[in-house]
Protein backbone atom coordinates (compact mmCIF):
# COMPACT_ATOMS: atom_id res chain seq x y z
CA MET A 1 53.15 -92.40 -66.38
CA GLU A 2 52.20 -94.25 -62.94
CA ALA A 3 51.00 -91.77 -60.59
CA VAL A 4 53.08 -91.23 -57.29
CA SER A 5 50.38 -90.91 -54.23
CA ALA A 6 52.02 -88.93 -50.84
CA LYS A 7 49.83 -88.69 -48.17
CA SER A 8 50.10 -86.67 -45.17
CA ASP A 9 48.68 -87.62 -41.35
CA SER A 10 45.75 -85.06 -41.97
CA ALA A 11 42.33 -85.00 -42.67
CA SER A 12 40.33 -85.72 -45.58
CA ASP A 13 39.09 -82.52 -46.09
CA GLN A 14 42.16 -81.70 -47.36
CA PRO A 15 42.54 -80.57 -50.95
CA LEU A 16 43.77 -83.17 -53.29
CA ILE A 17 46.83 -81.37 -55.09
CA ARG A 18 48.58 -82.86 -58.57
CA PHE A 19 52.00 -81.86 -59.97
CA GLN A 20 54.93 -83.29 -61.64
CA VAL A 21 57.84 -84.00 -59.45
CA ASN A 22 61.08 -84.82 -61.70
CA GLY A 23 59.01 -85.89 -64.77
CA GLU A 24 56.53 -88.15 -62.26
CA THR A 25 52.72 -87.34 -61.41
CA VAL A 26 52.74 -87.18 -57.75
CA CYS A 27 49.15 -86.51 -55.86
CA ALA A 28 49.18 -85.08 -52.35
CA THR A 29 47.13 -84.07 -49.62
CA PHE A 30 48.74 -82.06 -46.94
CA ALA A 31 48.03 -79.22 -44.79
CA PRO A 32 47.18 -75.71 -46.67
CA HIS A 33 50.29 -73.90 -44.45
CA LYS A 34 52.68 -76.24 -45.59
CA THR A 35 55.72 -75.05 -47.96
CA LEU A 36 56.45 -76.68 -50.68
CA LEU A 37 60.08 -77.40 -48.97
CA GLU A 38 58.15 -79.21 -46.29
CA VAL A 39 55.73 -81.45 -48.95
CA LEU A 40 58.83 -82.02 -51.09
CA ARG A 41 60.68 -83.23 -47.87
CA GLU A 42 58.00 -84.83 -46.00
CA ASP A 43 55.72 -86.55 -48.57
CA PRO A 44 57.28 -88.15 -51.12
CA HIS A 45 60.27 -87.90 -49.29
CA LEU A 46 63.10 -85.82 -51.69
CA THR A 47 64.95 -84.60 -48.84
CA GLY A 48 67.84 -83.49 -51.32
CA THR A 49 65.91 -80.20 -50.84
CA LYS A 50 67.24 -78.82 -47.96
CA HIS A 51 66.22 -76.86 -44.86
CA GLY A 52 68.24 -74.02 -44.96
CA CYS A 53 67.32 -70.36 -43.32
CA GLU A 54 63.52 -70.98 -44.17
CA LEU A 55 63.46 -67.25 -44.58
CA GLY A 56 64.46 -66.80 -48.24
CA GLU A 57 67.83 -65.68 -47.72
CA CYS A 58 70.19 -68.54 -48.62
CA GLY A 59 69.30 -70.43 -51.30
CA THR A 60 69.73 -73.82 -50.07
CA CYS A 61 66.30 -75.14 -50.64
CA ALA A 62 65.93 -74.02 -54.13
CA VAL A 63 64.25 -76.13 -56.82
CA LEU A 64 62.97 -75.38 -59.98
CA VAL A 65 59.45 -74.94 -60.78
CA ASP A 66 58.59 -75.10 -64.75
CA GLY A 67 62.32 -74.64 -65.16
CA GLU A 68 62.87 -71.70 -62.61
CA PRO A 69 64.33 -71.44 -59.38
CA VAL A 70 62.31 -70.52 -56.62
CA LEU A 71 62.96 -70.80 -53.06
CA SER A 72 60.66 -73.99 -52.07
CA CYS A 73 60.78 -72.23 -48.21
CA LEU A 74 58.69 -69.36 -49.52
CA VAL A 75 56.14 -71.42 -51.62
CA LEU A 76 53.12 -72.80 -50.60
CA GLY A 77 52.83 -76.41 -52.17
CA LEU A 78 49.29 -75.36 -53.12
CA GLU A 79 50.51 -72.77 -55.33
CA CYS A 80 52.38 -75.57 -57.29
CA GLU A 81 49.10 -77.58 -58.52
CA GLY A 82 49.87 -78.68 -62.29
CA LYS A 83 53.34 -77.35 -62.35
CA ASN A 84 56.67 -79.03 -62.86
CA ILE A 85 58.81 -79.27 -60.32
CA GLU A 86 62.23 -80.33 -60.29
CA THR A 87 64.56 -81.37 -57.22
CA VAL A 88 68.28 -82.59 -57.20
CA GLU A 89 67.24 -85.88 -57.16
CA GLY A 90 65.95 -85.44 -60.79
CA MET A 91 69.37 -84.21 -62.20
CA SER A 92 71.29 -87.39 -62.74
CA GLY A 93 70.14 -89.59 -65.31
CA PRO A 94 70.34 -93.01 -66.88
CA ARG A 95 73.47 -92.31 -68.52
CA GLY A 96 75.03 -90.87 -65.31
CA LEU A 97 75.49 -88.14 -63.59
CA HIS A 98 74.32 -84.17 -64.90
CA PRO A 99 77.26 -81.86 -66.19
CA LEU A 100 77.05 -79.58 -63.61
CA GLN A 101 77.05 -82.86 -60.77
CA LYS A 102 80.27 -83.95 -62.43
CA ALA A 103 81.91 -80.63 -62.40
CA PHE A 104 81.36 -79.94 -59.00
CA ALA A 105 82.28 -83.60 -58.07
CA ASP A 106 85.55 -83.07 -60.10
CA LEU A 107 86.68 -79.67 -58.87
CA GLY A 108 85.77 -80.05 -55.41
CA ALA A 109 82.96 -77.27 -55.44
CA ALA A 110 80.95 -78.73 -52.56
CA GLN A 111 82.52 -79.35 -49.03
CA CYS A 112 79.64 -80.16 -46.57
CA GLY A 113 77.54 -80.61 -49.56
CA TYR A 114 74.31 -79.04 -47.92
CA CYS A 115 74.40 -75.80 -50.43
CA THR A 116 75.11 -77.66 -53.10
CA PRO A 117 71.55 -78.66 -54.51
CA GLY A 118 70.46 -75.47 -54.28
CA PHE A 119 73.54 -74.42 -56.36
CA LEU A 120 73.06 -77.20 -58.56
CA LEU A 121 69.35 -76.12 -59.63
CA THR A 122 70.01 -72.43 -59.61
CA ALA A 123 73.26 -72.92 -62.48
CA GLN A 124 70.84 -75.39 -64.27
CA ALA A 125 68.53 -73.16 -64.70
CA LEU A 126 71.11 -70.54 -65.66
CA LEU A 127 72.78 -72.92 -68.45
CA ALA A 128 69.21 -73.67 -69.78
CA ARG A 129 68.80 -69.85 -70.39
CA ASN A 130 72.30 -68.85 -71.20
CA PRO A 131 74.37 -71.94 -72.84
CA ARG A 132 77.95 -69.38 -72.37
CA PRO A 133 77.57 -67.04 -69.37
CA ASP A 134 80.57 -65.11 -68.34
CA LEU A 135 82.02 -65.24 -64.76
CA SER A 136 79.97 -61.95 -64.01
CA GLN A 137 76.76 -63.75 -64.97
CA ILE A 138 77.32 -66.66 -62.91
CA LYS A 139 78.01 -64.95 -59.69
CA GLU A 140 74.37 -63.10 -60.48
CA ALA A 141 72.76 -65.98 -61.21
CA LEU A 142 73.96 -67.79 -58.15
CA ALA A 143 74.20 -64.90 -55.83
CA GLY A 144 71.22 -65.87 -53.83
CA ASN A 145 72.81 -68.96 -52.81
CA LEU A 146 75.16 -68.80 -49.80
CA CYS A 147 77.65 -71.45 -48.89
CA ARG A 148 79.59 -71.16 -45.75
CA CYS A 149 82.30 -73.73 -46.60
CA THR A 150 83.93 -72.65 -49.86
CA GLY A 151 85.35 -69.41 -51.16
CA TYR A 152 82.85 -69.90 -54.14
CA ILE A 153 85.57 -69.59 -56.81
CA LYS A 154 85.30 -73.62 -57.46
CA ILE A 155 81.50 -73.01 -57.90
CA PHE A 156 82.22 -70.58 -60.26
CA GLU A 157 84.57 -72.65 -61.99
CA ALA A 158 82.45 -75.82 -61.69
CA VAL A 159 79.76 -74.07 -63.94
CA GLU A 160 82.12 -72.56 -66.49
CA LEU A 161 83.20 -76.40 -67.13
CA ALA A 162 79.94 -77.80 -67.37
CA ALA A 163 78.30 -75.16 -69.42
CA ALA A 164 81.47 -75.91 -71.81
CA TRP A 165 80.94 -79.85 -71.48
CA MET A 166 77.17 -79.09 -72.23
CA ARG A 167 78.21 -76.93 -75.00
CA GLY A 168 80.18 -80.06 -76.73
CA GLU A 169 83.47 -78.67 -75.81
CA GLU A 170 86.08 -81.05 -75.28
CA VAL A 171 87.79 -79.18 -72.09
CA ALA A 172 89.05 -80.20 -68.60
CA PRO A 173 90.03 -78.09 -65.41
CA ARG A 174 92.33 -75.54 -65.36
CA ARG A 175 95.47 -76.84 -63.67
CA GLU A 176 95.79 -74.60 -61.16
CA THR A 177 91.95 -75.28 -59.94
CA LEU A 178 93.15 -78.75 -59.51
CA TYR A 179 96.41 -78.26 -57.63
CA GLY A 180 96.52 -74.06 -56.79
CA SER A 181 98.74 -71.78 -58.46
CA ASP A 182 101.61 -72.35 -55.97
CA PHE A 183 102.83 -76.16 -57.01
CA ASP A 184 105.90 -77.07 -58.68
CA GLU A 185 105.66 -79.04 -62.37
CA SER A 186 106.05 -82.45 -60.53
CA GLY A 187 102.63 -81.92 -58.36
CA LEU A 188 104.49 -83.34 -55.44
CA LEU A 189 105.76 -80.29 -53.16
CA PRO A 190 103.91 -76.61 -52.91
CA VAL A 191 106.47 -73.58 -54.03
CA VAL A 192 107.14 -71.56 -51.39
CA LYS A 193 107.68 -68.04 -52.46
CA THR A 194 109.72 -65.65 -50.53
């Protein structure tokens, strides 16, 4: 595989670090104080990883390092020498969206979308460990990821749906997930309960 070189504006005495990002070798020279978040966004320009709180409290910057979710704002880039890193840009493939991405889109689990990459990667790690999580396991796995737009229900349902698809089950979203529980059978008018 061809190496991708990413260099910062720094002096040449900085160490050359090599790691895998989304299956490609990256060789980068950067200031030793840079976090993995900064390295990913500024050097190979993978901006799907978002700046959030930069304190490790929101999960917006989550990426996978050797298959485990980490908060990239708390990890120094230097610590990733020889590691395999996956960002949201690496989730989809030649066959299309990852099932989690499709489920999030189909169910409207992302609103503004800023927190979505962190949720997707954290959920991907969960499903790699446990292909049949129950709702409490999904909630526990995603507890470190914050969303200011949604009520989390559609996020949890999207993970459940993607898990079923990844197990090869033919399932569709529940009607109330798509339309709400107060819609009539025609789907045209909301039912007003008195």
